[in-house]
C-alpha atoms as a PDB file:
ATOM      1  CA  MET A   1      -2.856  15.768  29.844  1.00  0.00           C
ATOM      2  CA  ILE A   2      -3.035  12.548  27.898  1.00  0.00           C
ATOM      3  CA  LYS A   3      -1.011   9.636  29.251  1.00  0.00           C
ATOM      4  CA  THR A   4       1.580   7.731  27.235  1.00  0.00           C
ATOM      5  CA  HIS A   5       0.343   4.343  28.418  1.00  0.00           C
ATOM      6  CA  PRO A   6      -1.647   2.149  25.997  1.00  0.00           C
ATOM      7  CA  LEU A   7      -5.381   2.416  26.431  1.00  0.00           C
ATOM      8  CA  ARG A   8      -6.531  -0.514  28.521  1.00  0.00           C
ATOM      9  CA  ALA A   9      -9.933   0.538  29.845  1.00  0.00           C
ATOM     10  CA  VAL A  10     -11.830   0.166  26.606  1.00  0.00           C
ATOM     11  CA  THR A  11      -9.735  -2.061  24.376  1.00  0.00           C
ATOM     12  CA  LEU A  12     -12.343  -4.709  25.069  1.00  0.00           C
ATOM     13  CA  LEU A  13     -14.372  -3.171  22.259  1.00  0.00           C
ATOM     14  CA  THR A  14     -11.777  -4.232  19.731  1.00  0.00           C
ATOM     15  CA  LEU A  15     -12.466  -7.822  20.735  1.00  0.00           C
ATOM     16  CA  VAL A  16     -16.221  -7.712  20.333  1.00  0.00           C
ATOM     17  CA  GLY A  17     -17.504 -10.717  18.405  1.00  0.00           C
ATOM     18  CA  LEU A  18     -18.413  -8.913  15.226  1.00  0.00           C
ATOM     19  CA  THR A  19     -17.264 -11.936  13.279  1.00  0.00           C
ATOM     20  CA  ALA A  20     -20.518 -13.564  14.393  1.00  0.00           C
ATOM     21  CA  CYS A  21     -22.359 -11.486  11.795  1.00  0.00           C
ATOM     22  CA  GLY A  22     -24.200 -13.544   9.256  1.00  0.00           C
ATOM     23  CA  GLY A  23     -25.297 -13.012   5.677  1.00  0.00           C
ATOM     24  CA  ASN A  24     -23.620 -11.968   2.435  1.00  0.00           C
ATOM     25  CA  TYR A  25     -22.168  -8.644   1.339  1.00  0.00           C
ATOM     26  CA  SER A  26     -23.979  -6.372  -1.122  1.00  0.00           C
ATOM     27  CA  ASN A  27     -22.814  -3.275  -2.980  1.00  0.00           C
ATOM     28  CA  ASP A  28     -24.803  -1.164  -0.518  1.00  0.00           C
ATOM     29  CA  ASP A  29     -23.133  -2.955   2.402  1.00  0.00           C
ATOM     30  CA  ILE A  30     -19.730  -2.043   1.014  1.00  0.00           C
ATOM     31  CA  GLU A  31     -20.784   1.603   0.649  1.00  0.00           C
ATOM     32  CA  TYR A  32     -21.744   1.702   4.328  1.00  0.00           C
ATOM     33  CA  GLN A  33     -18.613  -0.109   5.444  1.00  0.00           C
ATOM     34  CA  THR A  34     -16.279   2.219   3.557  1.00  0.00           C
ATOM     35  CA  SER A  35     -18.003   5.236   5.121  1.00  0.00           C
ATOM     36  CA  VAL A  36     -16.203   4.672   8.424  1.00  0.00           C
ATOM     37  CA  PRO A  37     -12.599   5.901   8.702  1.00  0.00           C
ATOM     38  CA  GLN A  38      -9.664   3.546   8.382  1.00  0.00           C
ATOM     39  CA  ALA A  39      -6.939   3.311  11.016  1.00  0.00           C
ATOM     40  CA  GLU A  40      -4.623   5.593   9.066  1.00  0.00           C
ATOM     41  CA  ASP A  41      -7.326   8.292   8.913  1.00  0.00           C
ATOM     42  CA  LEU A  42      -7.452   8.594  12.722  1.00  0.00           C
ATOM     43  CA  THR A  43      -3.838   8.019  13.758  1.00  0.00           C
ATOM     44  CA  PRO A  44      -0.939  10.452  13.360  1.00  0.00           C
ATOM     45  CA  ASN A  45       2.343   8.992  12.156  1.00  0.00           C
ATOM     46  CA  ILE A  46       5.860   9.627  13.367  1.00  0.00           C
ATOM     47  CA  ALA A  47       8.940   9.888  11.176  1.00  0.00           C
ATOM     48  CA  ALA A  48      11.391   7.527  12.882  1.00  0.00           C
ATOM     49  CA  GLN A  49      12.072   5.653  16.116  1.00  0.00           C
ATOM     50  CA  LEU A  50      13.836   7.359  19.003  1.00  0.00           C
ATOM     51  CA  VAL A  51      17.530   6.828  19.588  1.00  0.00           C
ATOM     52  CA  ALA A  52      19.595   7.480  22.705  1.00  0.00           C
ATOM     53  CA  ASN A  53      20.301  11.130  21.824  1.00  0.00           C
ATOM     54  CA  SER A  54      17.263  12.116  19.749  1.00  0.00           C
ATOM     55  CA  ALA A  55      16.471  15.827  19.763  1.00  0.00           C
ATOM     56  CA  GLU A  56      14.438  16.922  22.794  1.00  0.00           C
ATOM     57  CA  THR A  57      11.596  18.425  20.750  1.00  0.00           C
ATOM     58  CA  TYR A  58      11.391  15.251  18.705  1.00  0.00           C
ATOM     59  CA  ARG A  59      11.123  13.263  21.946  1.00  0.00           C
ATOM     60  CA  PHE A  60       8.195  15.426  23.095  1.00  0.00           C
ATOM     61  CA  THR A  61       6.483  14.980  19.741  1.00  0.00           C
ATOM     62  CA  TYR A  62       7.169  11.245  19.649  1.00  0.00           C
ATOM     63  CA  GLY A  63       5.592  10.777  23.080  1.00  0.00           C
ATOM     64  CA  MET A  64       2.504  12.841  22.264  1.00  0.00           C
ATOM     65  CA  VAL A  65       1.954  11.117  18.922  1.00  0.00           C
ATOM     66  CA  GLY A  66       2.414   7.715  20.576  1.00  0.00           C
ATOM     67  CA  SER A  67      -0.212   8.569  23.190  1.00  0.00           C
ATOM     68  CA  TYR A  68      -2.781   9.528  20.616  1.00  0.00           C
ATOM     69  CA  ARG A  69      -1.979   6.551  18.417  1.00  0.00           C
ATOM     70  CA  ALA A  70      -2.849   4.251  21.346  1.00  0.00           C
ATOM     71  CA  ILE A  71      -6.274   5.798  21.906  1.00  0.00           C
ATOM     72  CA  LEU A  72      -7.224   6.732  18.344  1.00  0.00           C
ATOM     73  CA  GLY A  73      -5.989   3.378  17.117  1.00  0.00           C
ATOM     74  CA  PHE A  74      -8.566   1.777  19.396  1.00  0.00           C
ATOM     75  CA  VAL A  75     -11.350   3.728  17.689  1.00  0.00           C
ATOM     76  CA  ALA A  76     -10.088   2.854  14.239  1.00  0.00           C
ATOM     77  CA  SER A  77      -9.625  -0.830  15.042  1.00  0.00           C
ATOM     78  CA  LEU A  78     -13.246  -1.127  16.126  1.00  0.00           C
ATOM     79  CA  LEU A  79     -14.472   0.568  12.971  1.00  0.00           C
ATOM     80  CA  ASP A  80     -12.229  -1.761  10.959  1.00  0.00           C
ATOM     81  CA  HIS A  81     -14.321  -4.646  12.295  1.00  0.00           C
ATOM     82  CA  VAL A  82     -17.365  -3.003  10.727  1.00  0.00           C
ATOM     83  CA  ARG A  83     -15.504  -2.675   7.446  1.00  0.00           C
ATOM     84  CA  GLN A  84     -14.623  -6.372   7.455  1.00  0.00           C
ATOM     85  CA  ASN A  85     -17.961  -8.031   8.355  1.00  0.00           C
ATOM     86  CA  PRO A  86     -21.477  -8.043   6.874  1.00  0.00           C
ATOM     87  CA  ALA A  87     -24.271  -6.278   8.719  1.00  0.00           C
ATOM     88  CA  THR A  88     -26.630  -8.086  11.073  1.00  0.00           C
ATOM     89  CA  GLN A  89     -29.620  -6.000   9.963  1.00  0.00           C
ATOM     90  CA  ARG A  90     -30.241  -4.095   6.726  1.00  0.00           C
ATOM     91  CA  LEU A  91     -32.544  -1.063   6.756  1.00  0.00           C
ATOM     92  CA  ALA A  92     -33.704   1.140   3.888  1.00  0.00           C
ATOM     93  CA  ASN A  93     -31.099   3.772   4.726  1.00  0.00           C
ATOM     94  CA  GLY A  94     -29.003   2.070   7.357  1.00  0.00           C
ATOM     95  CA  ARG A  95     -27.126  -0.965   8.588  1.00  0.00           C
ATOM     96  CA  VAL A  96     -26.836  -2.466  12.086  1.00  0.00           C
ATOM     97  CA  TRP A  97     -24.112  -4.686  13.525  1.00  0.00           C
ATOM     98  CA  GLY A  98     -25.070  -6.473  16.755  1.00  0.00           C
ATOM     99  CA  PRO A  99     -25.786  -6.144  19.603  1.00  0.00           C
ATOM    100  CA  PHE A 100     -23.085  -8.591  20.567  1.00  0.00           C
ATOM    101  CA  PRO A 101     -21.880  -9.739  23.992  1.00  0.00           C
ATOM    102  CA  ASP A 102     -18.303  -8.855  24.789  1.00  0.00           C
ATOM    103  CA  ARG A 103     -16.527 -12.180  25.269  1.00  0.00           C
ATOM    104  CA  GLU A 104     -13.666 -10.676  27.283  1.00  0.00           C
ATOM    105  CA  HIS A 105     -15.909  -8.829  29.755  1.00  0.00           C
ATOM    106  CA  PRO A 106     -19.151 -10.737  30.396  1.00  0.00           C
ATOM    107  CA  GLY A 107     -22.059  -8.509  31.237  1.00  0.00           C
ATOM    108  CA  PHE A 108     -21.519  -5.873  28.520  1.00  0.00           C
ATOM    109  CA  GLU A 109     -22.808  -5.588  24.949  1.00  0.00           C
ATOM    110  CA  VAL A 110     -21.964  -3.482  21.885  1.00  0.00           C
ATOM    111  CA  LYS A 111     -24.083  -2.346  18.928  1.00  0.00           C
ATOM    112  CA  VAL A 112     -23.013  -0.449  15.786  1.00  0.00           C
ATOM    113  CA  MET A 113     -25.382   1.468  13.488  1.00  0.00           C
ATOM    114  CA  ILE A 114     -24.656   3.428  10.295  1.00  0.00           C
ATOM    115  CA  THR A 115     -27.289   5.552   8.526  1.00  0.00           C
ATOM    116  CA  ARG A 116     -27.132   7.291   5.154  1.00  0.00           C
ATOM    117  CA  GLY A 117     -28.517  10.756   4.446  1.00  0.00           C
ATOM    118  CA  GLY A 118     -28.149  13.423   1.797  1.00  0.00           C
ATOM    119  CA  ASP A 119     -28.546  12.467  -1.849  1.00  0.00           C
ATOM    120  CA  ALA A 120     -26.711  10.276  -4.358  1.00  0.00           C
ATOM    121  CA  ALA A 121     -24.454  13.134  -5.449  1.00  0.00           C
ATOM    122  CA  ALA A 122     -23.556  14.227  -1.903  1.00  0.00           C
ATOM    123  CA  PRO A 123     -24.298  11.486   0.635  1.00  0.00           C
ATOM    124  CA  GLN A 124     -23.501  11.788   4.341  1.00  0.00           C
ATOM    125  CA  PHE A 125     -23.069   8.827   6.653  1.00  0.00           C
ATOM    126  CA  THR A 126     -23.715   8.933  10.390  1.00  0.00           C
ATOM    127  CA  TYR A 127     -22.544   6.140  12.678  1.00  0.00           C
ATOM    128  CA  SER A 128     -22.743   5.228  16.338  1.00  0.00           C
ATOM    129  CA  VAL A 129     -21.080   2.560  18.503  1.00  0.00           C
ATOM    130  CA  ASP A 130     -23.307   1.991  21.528  1.00  0.00           C
ATOM    131  CA  PHE A 131     -22.302   0.228  24.714  1.00  0.00           C
ATOM    132  CA  ALA A 132     -24.538  -1.236  27.438  1.00  0.00           C
ATOM    133  CA  SER A 133     -24.604  -3.398  30.518  1.00  0.00           C
ATOM    134  CA  ALA A 134     -26.290  -6.692  29.628  1.00  0.00           C
ATOM    135  CA  ARG A 135     -28.318  -6.284  32.810  1.00  0.00           C
ATOM    136  CA  THR A 136     -29.957  -2.989  31.825  1.00  0.00           C
ATOM    137  CA  ARG A 137     -29.497  -3.118  28.028  1.00  0.00           C
ATOM    138  CA  MET A 138     -29.630   0.692  28.073  1.00  0.00           C
ATOM    139  CA  PHE A 139     -27.274   1.442  25.190  1.00  0.00           C
ATOM    140  CA  VAL A 140     -25.162   4.585  25.416  1.00  0.00           C
ATOM    141  CA  PRO A 141     -23.338   6.073  22.386  1.00  0.00           C
ATOM    142  CA  VAL A 142     -19.615   5.738  23.112  1.00  0.00           C
ATOM    143  CA  ILE A 143     -18.208   6.399  19.628  1.00  0.00           C
ATOM    144  CA  PHE A 144     -20.205   8.440  17.127  1.00  0.00           C
ATOM    145  CA  GLY A 145     -19.449  10.466  14.048  1.00  0.00           C
ATOM    146  CA  THR A 146     -20.164  11.448  10.461  1.00  0.00           C
ATOM    147  CA  PHE A 147     -18.408  11.110   7.106  1.00  0.00           C
ATOM    148  CA  ASP A 148     -18.895  13.050   3.858  1.00  0.00           C
ATOM    149  CA  PRO A 149     -17.304  11.138   0.961  1.00  0.00           C
ATOM    150  CA  ARG A 150     -15.970  13.434  -1.750  1.00  0.00           C
ATOM    151  CA  GLY A 151     -13.774  12.638  -4.742  1.00  0.00           C
ATOM    152  CA  ALA A 152     -11.838   9.391  -5.035  1.00  0.00           C
ATOM    153  CA  ILE A 153     -12.619   6.337  -2.905  1.00  0.00           C
ATOM    154  CA  GLY A 154     -11.508   7.080   0.658  1.00  0.00           C
ATOM    155  CA  ASP A 155     -11.362  10.836   0.106  1.00  0.00           C
ATOM    156  CA  GLY A 156     -13.629  13.096   2.137  1.00  0.00           C
ATOM    157  CA  SER A 157     -14.010  14.557   5.601  1.00  0.00           C
ATOM    158  CA  GLY A 158     -15.546  13.447   8.854  1.00  0.00           C
ATOM    159  CA  GLN A 159     -15.711  13.829  12.601  1.00  0.00           C
ATOM    160  CA  VAL A 160     -15.570  11.244  15.397  1.00  0.00           C
ATOM    161  CA  THR A 161     -16.226  11.561  19.142  1.00  0.00           C
ATOM    162  CA  LEU A 162     -15.053   9.094  21.788  1.00  0.00           C
ATOM    163  CA  ASP A 163     -17.128   9.671  24.944  1.00  0.00           C
ATOM    164  CA  PHE A 164     -15.328   8.298  27.995  1.00  0.00           C
ATOM    165  CA  ALA A 165     -17.927   9.761  30.360  1.00  0.00           C
ATOM    166  CA  GLY A 166     -20.616   7.858  28.470  1.00  0.00           C
ATOM    167  CA  LEU A 167     -18.635   4.642  28.683  1.00  0.00           C
ATOM    168  CA  ARG A 168     -18.222   5.046  32.442  1.00  0.00           C
ATOM    169  CA  SER A 169     -21.958   5.705  32.812  1.00  0.00           C
ATOM    170  CA  THR A 170     -22.696   2.137  31.700  1.00  0.00           C
ATOM    171  CA  GLY A 171     -20.949   0.849  34.799  1.00  0.00           C
ATOM    172  CA  PHE A 172     -17.920  -0.420  32.950  1.00  0.00           C
ATOM    173  CA  PRO A 173     -14.884  -0.488  35.274  1.00  0.00           C
ATOM    174  CA  GLY A 174     -12.529   2.399  34.661  1.00  0.00           C
ATOM    175  CA  ASP A 175      -8.787   2.530  34.178  1.00  0.00           C
ATOM    176  CA  ARG A 176      -6.377   4.893  35.898  1.00  0.00           C
ATOM    177  CA  ASP A 177      -4.868   5.929  32.532  1.00  0.00           C
ATOM    178  CA  THR A 178      -8.179   7.312  31.282  1.00  0.00           C
ATOM    179  CA  THR A 179      -9.828   8.405  34.535  1.00  0.00           C
ATOM    180  CA  ASN A 180      -9.380  12.112  33.787  1.00  0.00           C
ATOM    181  CA  ILE A 181     -10.540  11.989  30.149  1.00  0.00           C
ATOM    182  CA  MET A 182     -14.107  13.129  29.469  1.00  0.00           C
ATOM    183  CA  LYS A 183     -14.149  12.911  25.685  1.00  0.00           C
ATOM    184  CA  ILE A 184     -11.967  13.043  22.598  1.00  0.00           C
ATOM    185  CA  GLU A 185     -13.243  14.744  19.445  1.00  0.00           C
ATOM    186  CA  MET A 186     -11.568  14.228  16.071  1.00  0.00           C
ATOM    187  CA  VAL A 187     -11.913  15.915  12.690  1.00  0.00           C
ATOM    188  CA  HIS A 188     -10.245  14.072   9.822  1.00  0.00           C
ATOM    189  CA  GLY A 189      -9.855  14.671   6.100  1.00  0.00           C
ATOM    190  CA  ARG A 190      -8.219  13.047   3.084  1.00  0.00           C
ATOM    191  CA  LYS A 191      -7.715  14.395  -0.420  1.00  0.00           C
ATOM    192  CA  ASP A 192      -5.387  13.335  -3.237  1.00  0.00           C
ATOM    193  CA  GLY A 193      -3.012  11.454  -0.933  1.00  0.00           C
ATOM    194  CA  SER A 194      -2.774  14.204   1.713  1.00  0.00           C
ATOM    195  CA  ARG A 195      -4.563  13.994   5.041  1.00  0.00           C
ATOM    196  CA  THR A 196      -5.317  16.139   8.075  1.00  0.00           C
ATOM    197  CA  LEU A 197      -6.317  15.309  11.630  1.00  0.00           C
ATOM    198  CA  GLU A 198      -7.431  17.524  14.521  1.00  0.00           C
ATOM    199  CA  VAL A 199      -7.816  16.035  17.994  1.00  0.00           C
ATOM    200  CA  HIS A 200      -9.502  17.865  20.881  1.00  0.00           C
ATOM    201  CA  GLN A 201      -9.395  16.180  24.275  1.00  0.00           C
ATOM    202  CA  THR A 202     -11.562  17.405  27.153  1.00  0.00           C
ATOM    203  CA  ASN A 203     -10.452  16.377  30.644  1.00  0.00           C
ATOM    204  CA  THR A 204     -11.847  16.535  34.156  1.00  0.00           C
ATOM    205  CA  GLU A 205     -10.932  19.281  36.593  1.00  0.00           C
ATOM    206  CA  ALA A 206      -8.472  16.886  38.256  1.00  0.00           C
ATOM    207  CA  ALA A 207      -6.289  16.728  35.121  1.00  0.00           C
ATOM    208  CA  ASP A 208      -3.193  18.886  34.584  1.00  0.00           C
ATOM    209  CA  ASN A 209      -4.906  20.396  31.548  1.00  0.00           C
ATOM    210  CA  ARG A 210      -8.667  20.790  31.115  1.00  0.00           C
ATOM    211  CA  ARG A 211      -8.135  20.508  27.367  1.00  0.00           C
ATOM    212  CA  THR A 212      -5.399  19.097  25.139  1.00  0.00           C
ATOM    213  CA  ASP A 213      -5.323  19.685  21.386  1.00  0.00           C
ATOM    214  CA  LEU A 214      -3.283  18.136  18.585  1.00  0.00           C
ATOM    215  CA  THR A 215      -3.244  19.053  14.903  1.00  0.00           C
ATOM    216  CA  TYR A 216      -1.546  16.903  12.289  1.00  0.00           C
ATOM    217  CA  ALA A 217      -1.042  17.264   8.541  1.00  0.00           C
ATOM    218  CA  GLU A 218       0.615  14.715   6.266  1.00  0.00           C
ATOM    219  CA  ALA A 219       1.716  15.056   2.628  1.00  0.00           C
ATOM    220  CA  PRO A 220       1.533  12.195   0.116  1.00  0.00           C
ATOM    221  CA  ASP A 221       5.280  11.499   0.495  1.00  0.00           C
ATOM    222  CA  GLY A 222       5.038  11.124   4.306  1.00  0.00           C
ATOM    223  CA  ALA A 223       6.319  14.565   5.262  1.00  0.00           C
ATOM    224  CA  ALA A 224       4.275  15.832   8.213  1.00  0.00           C
ATOM    225  CA  ARG A 225       3.687  18.608  10.729  1.00  0.00           C
ATOM    226  CA  THR A 226       2.302  18.446  14.284  1.00  0.00           C
ATOM    227  CA  HIS A 227       1.207  21.091  16.777  1.00  0.00           C
ATOM    228  CA  PHE A 228       0.213  20.579  20.408  1.00  0.00           C
ATOM    229  CA  VAL A 229       0.353  22.217  23.823  1.00  0.00           C
ATOM    230  CA  MET A 230       1.713  20.269  26.773  1.00  0.00           C
ATOM    231  CA  ALA A 231       1.695  21.001  30.504  1.00  0.00           C
ATOM    232  CA  VAL A 232       4.997  20.776  32.382  1.00  0.00           C
ATOM    233  CA  THR A 233       4.963  20.001  36.111  1.00  0.00           C
ATOM    234  CA  ASN A 234       7.507  21.087  38.751  1.00  0.00           C
ATOM    235  CA  ASN A 235       9.085  23.712  36.514  1.00  0.00           C
ATOM    236  CA  LEU A 236       8.523  27.371  37.432  1.00  0.00           C
ATOM    237  CA  TRP A 237      10.276  28.585  34.281  1.00  0.00           C
ATOM    238  CA  ALA A 238       8.249  26.594  31.760  1.00  0.00           C
ATOM    239  CA  GLN A 239       4.861  25.404  33.021  1.00  0.00           C
ATOM    240  CA  GLU A 240       3.350  25.017  29.548  1.00  0.00           C
ATOM    241  CA  LEU A 241       4.967  24.521  26.141  1.00  0.00           C
ATOM    242  CA  ASP A 242       3.490  25.153  22.712  1.00  0.00           C
ATOM    243  CA  VAL A 243       5.274  22.654  20.450  1.00  0.00           C
ATOM    244  CA  VAL A 244       5.410  22.635  16.643  1.00  0.00           C
ATOM    245  CA  SER A 245       7.380  19.930  14.820  1.00  0.00           C
ATOM    246  CA  ALA A 246       7.754  19.103  11.143  1.00  0.00           C
ATOM    247  CA  TRP A 247       9.781  16.581   9.173  1.00  0.00           C
ATOM    248  CA  ARG A 248      10.542  15.527   5.631  1.00  0.00           C
ATOM    249  CA  SER A 249       9.831  12.091   4.230  1.00  0.00           C
ATOM    250  CA  ASP A 250      13.326  10.933   5.288  1.00  0.00           C
ATOM    251  CA  GLY A 251      12.670  11.935   8.930  1.00  0.00           C
ATOM    252  CA  ALA A 252      14.943  14.980   9.057  1.00  0.00           C
ATOM    253  CA  GLY A 253      13.116  17.897  10.605  1.00  0.00           C
ATOM    254  CA  ARG A 254      12.753  20.817  12.941  1.00  0.00           C
ATOM    255  CA  GLY A 255      10.904  21.487  16.194  1.00  0.00           C
ATOM    256  CA  GLU A 256      10.104  24.689  18.058  1.00  0.00           C
ATOM    257  CA  LEU A 257       9.051  24.995  21.699  1.00  0.00           C
ATOM    258  CA  LYS A 258       7.525  28.242  22.902  1.00  0.00           C
ATOM    259  CA  VAL A 259       6.959  28.807  26.621  1.00  0.00           C
ATOM    260  CA  THR A 260       3.357  29.941  27.079  1.00  0.00           C
ATOM    261  CA  GLN A 261       3.146  29.762  30.892  1.00  0.00           C
ATOM    262  CA  GLY A 262       5.830  30.262  33.532  1.00  0.00           C
ATOM    263  CA  LEU A 263       8.639  32.710  34.279  1.00  0.00           C
ATOM    264  CA  ALA A 264      10.103  32.152  30.803  1.00  0.00           C
ATOM    265  CA  THR A 265       6.844  32.929  28.956  1.00  0.00           C
ATOM    266  CA  GLY A 266       7.534  34.022  25.380  1.00  0.00           C
ATOM    267  CA  LEU A 267      10.981  32.459  25.123  1.00  0.00           C
ATOM    268  CA  LEU A 268      11.710  30.002  22.310  1.00  0.00           C
ATOM    269  CA  GLY A 269      13.589  26.748  21.945  1.00  0.00           C
ATOM    270  CA  ILE A 270      14.607  25.246  18.601  1.00  0.00           C
ATOM    271  CA  ASP A 271      15.885  21.805  17.635  1.00  0.00           C
ATOM    272  CA  CYS A 272      16.912  20.626  14.182  1.00  0.00           C
ATOM    273  CA  TRP A 273      17.736  17.010  13.404  1.00  0.00           C
ATOM    274  CA  GLY A 274      18.803  14.751  10.581  1.00  0.00           C
ATOM    275  CA  PRO A 275      17.203  11.471   9.407  1.00  0.00           C
ATOM    276  CA  SER A 276      18.545   9.731  12.529  1.00  0.00           C
ATOM    277  CA  THR A 277      16.609  12.271  14.726  1.00  0.00           C
ATOM    278  CA  VAL A 278      19.884  13.230  16.474  1.00  0.00           C
ATOM    279  CA  ALA A 279      20.018  16.996  17.025  1.00  0.00           C
ATOM    280  CA  THR A 280      22.238  18.989  14.667  1.00  0.00           C
ATOM    281  CA  TYR A 281      21.268  22.362  16.125  1.00  0.00           C
ATOM    282  CA  VAL A 282      19.984  23.334  19.581  1.00  0.00           C
ATOM    283  CA  ARG A 283      18.866  26.756  20.807  1.00  0.00           C
ATOM    284  CA  ARG A 284      17.286  27.546  24.173  1.00  0.00           C
ATOM    285  CA  ASP A 285      16.511  31.189  24.922  1.00  0.00           C
ATOM    286  CA  TRP A 286      16.138  30.361  28.624  1.00  0.00           C
ATOM    287  CA  ASN A 287      19.404  28.396  28.912  1.00  0.00           C
ATOM    288  CA  GLU A 288      22.057  29.530  26.444  1.00  0.00           C
ATOM    289  CA  ALA A 289      24.575  27.128  27.986  1.00  0.00           C
ATOM    290  CA  VAL A 290      22.985  24.213  26.113  1.00  0.00           C
ATOM    291  CA  ASN A 291      23.024  25.939  22.706  1.00  0.00           C
ATOM    292  CA  ALA A 292      24.976  23.907  20.182  1.00  0.00           C
ATOM    293  CA  GLY A 293      25.393  23.127  16.505  1.00  0.00           C
ATOM    294  CA  ASP A 294      25.021  25.132  13.314  1.00  0.00           C
ATOM    295  CA  VAL A 295      21.702  26.701  12.301  1.00  0.00           C
ATOM    296  CA  ASN A 296      22.647  26.059   8.676  1.00  0.00           C
ATOM    297  CA  THR A 297      22.116  22.336   9.280  1.00  0.00           C
ATOM    298  CA  CYS A 298      18.379  22.934   9.674  1.00  0.00           C
ATOM    299  CA  VAL A 299      16.643  21.342   6.689  1.00  0.00           C
ATOM    300  CA  LEU A 300      13.390  23.261   7.283  1.00  0.00           C
ATOM    301  CA  PRO A 301      12.764  27.001   7.746  1.00  0.00           C
ATOM    302  CA  ALA A 302      11.185  28.566  10.835  1.00  0.00           C
ATOM    303  CA  LEU A 303       7.829  26.949  11.694  1.00  0.00           C
ATOM    304  CA  ARG A 304       6.181  30.029  13.246  1.00  0.00           C
END
């Protein structure tokens, strides 16, 4: 299961000295730079901040989204450096940034390469962020992906992989918050102001879950929907919850928790909340004593 702590083990990459790149921009450079996803393409958003009595389902969703924002924001921030600086080397169908020494962690280097394939009408860009010990200079792909631009500027679809096992293979010191993560795979898309994001996290056998998935969809006005499965420890009744949450642009929304493992498997919990995220309706099939509020206050229909 993904941790809620900020990612510390690999944030060094966001500090790599890409600003040392020399040279001037060209139109082709800009085409390569805009082929990598922006921060908002790889990070789910949340409707509003938590308050003291926010709905329980909203709290679960807030924590999960915050966890992914920490890790996926790291990926996006590195790619933003590529978007903001000219390439070190220009190839016929590619651009290279680096390799550069990491100033915060002497002994490690980073290199970024983007290549262009396909044709003028339907190009595809492939990129790789490689990491190496300065001693061996054996670069290992740590972040790699593709992007297919379609439609307006910024519209299109792509995939990104963050390989924690590859990063650890370079000898870089690990972090307890990411020890059990093997890799994170993302599929992202944007069209006409709407965007989608799928995140698939593969963990080691020591983790609570071998795999954790998140799907996210956002409308142009900021309304959104999330879906994820979370493990619950020390609870015989609900050992795993399948959680779907959705909210309007003003933050008012609805969340549904379905028990998928444990003695209460199949039972459902529902929360509805207003713009403040305070629950207006609570239903728990496994504990009717906590049921409260009026179902008519729910601003969204059933999510399943």
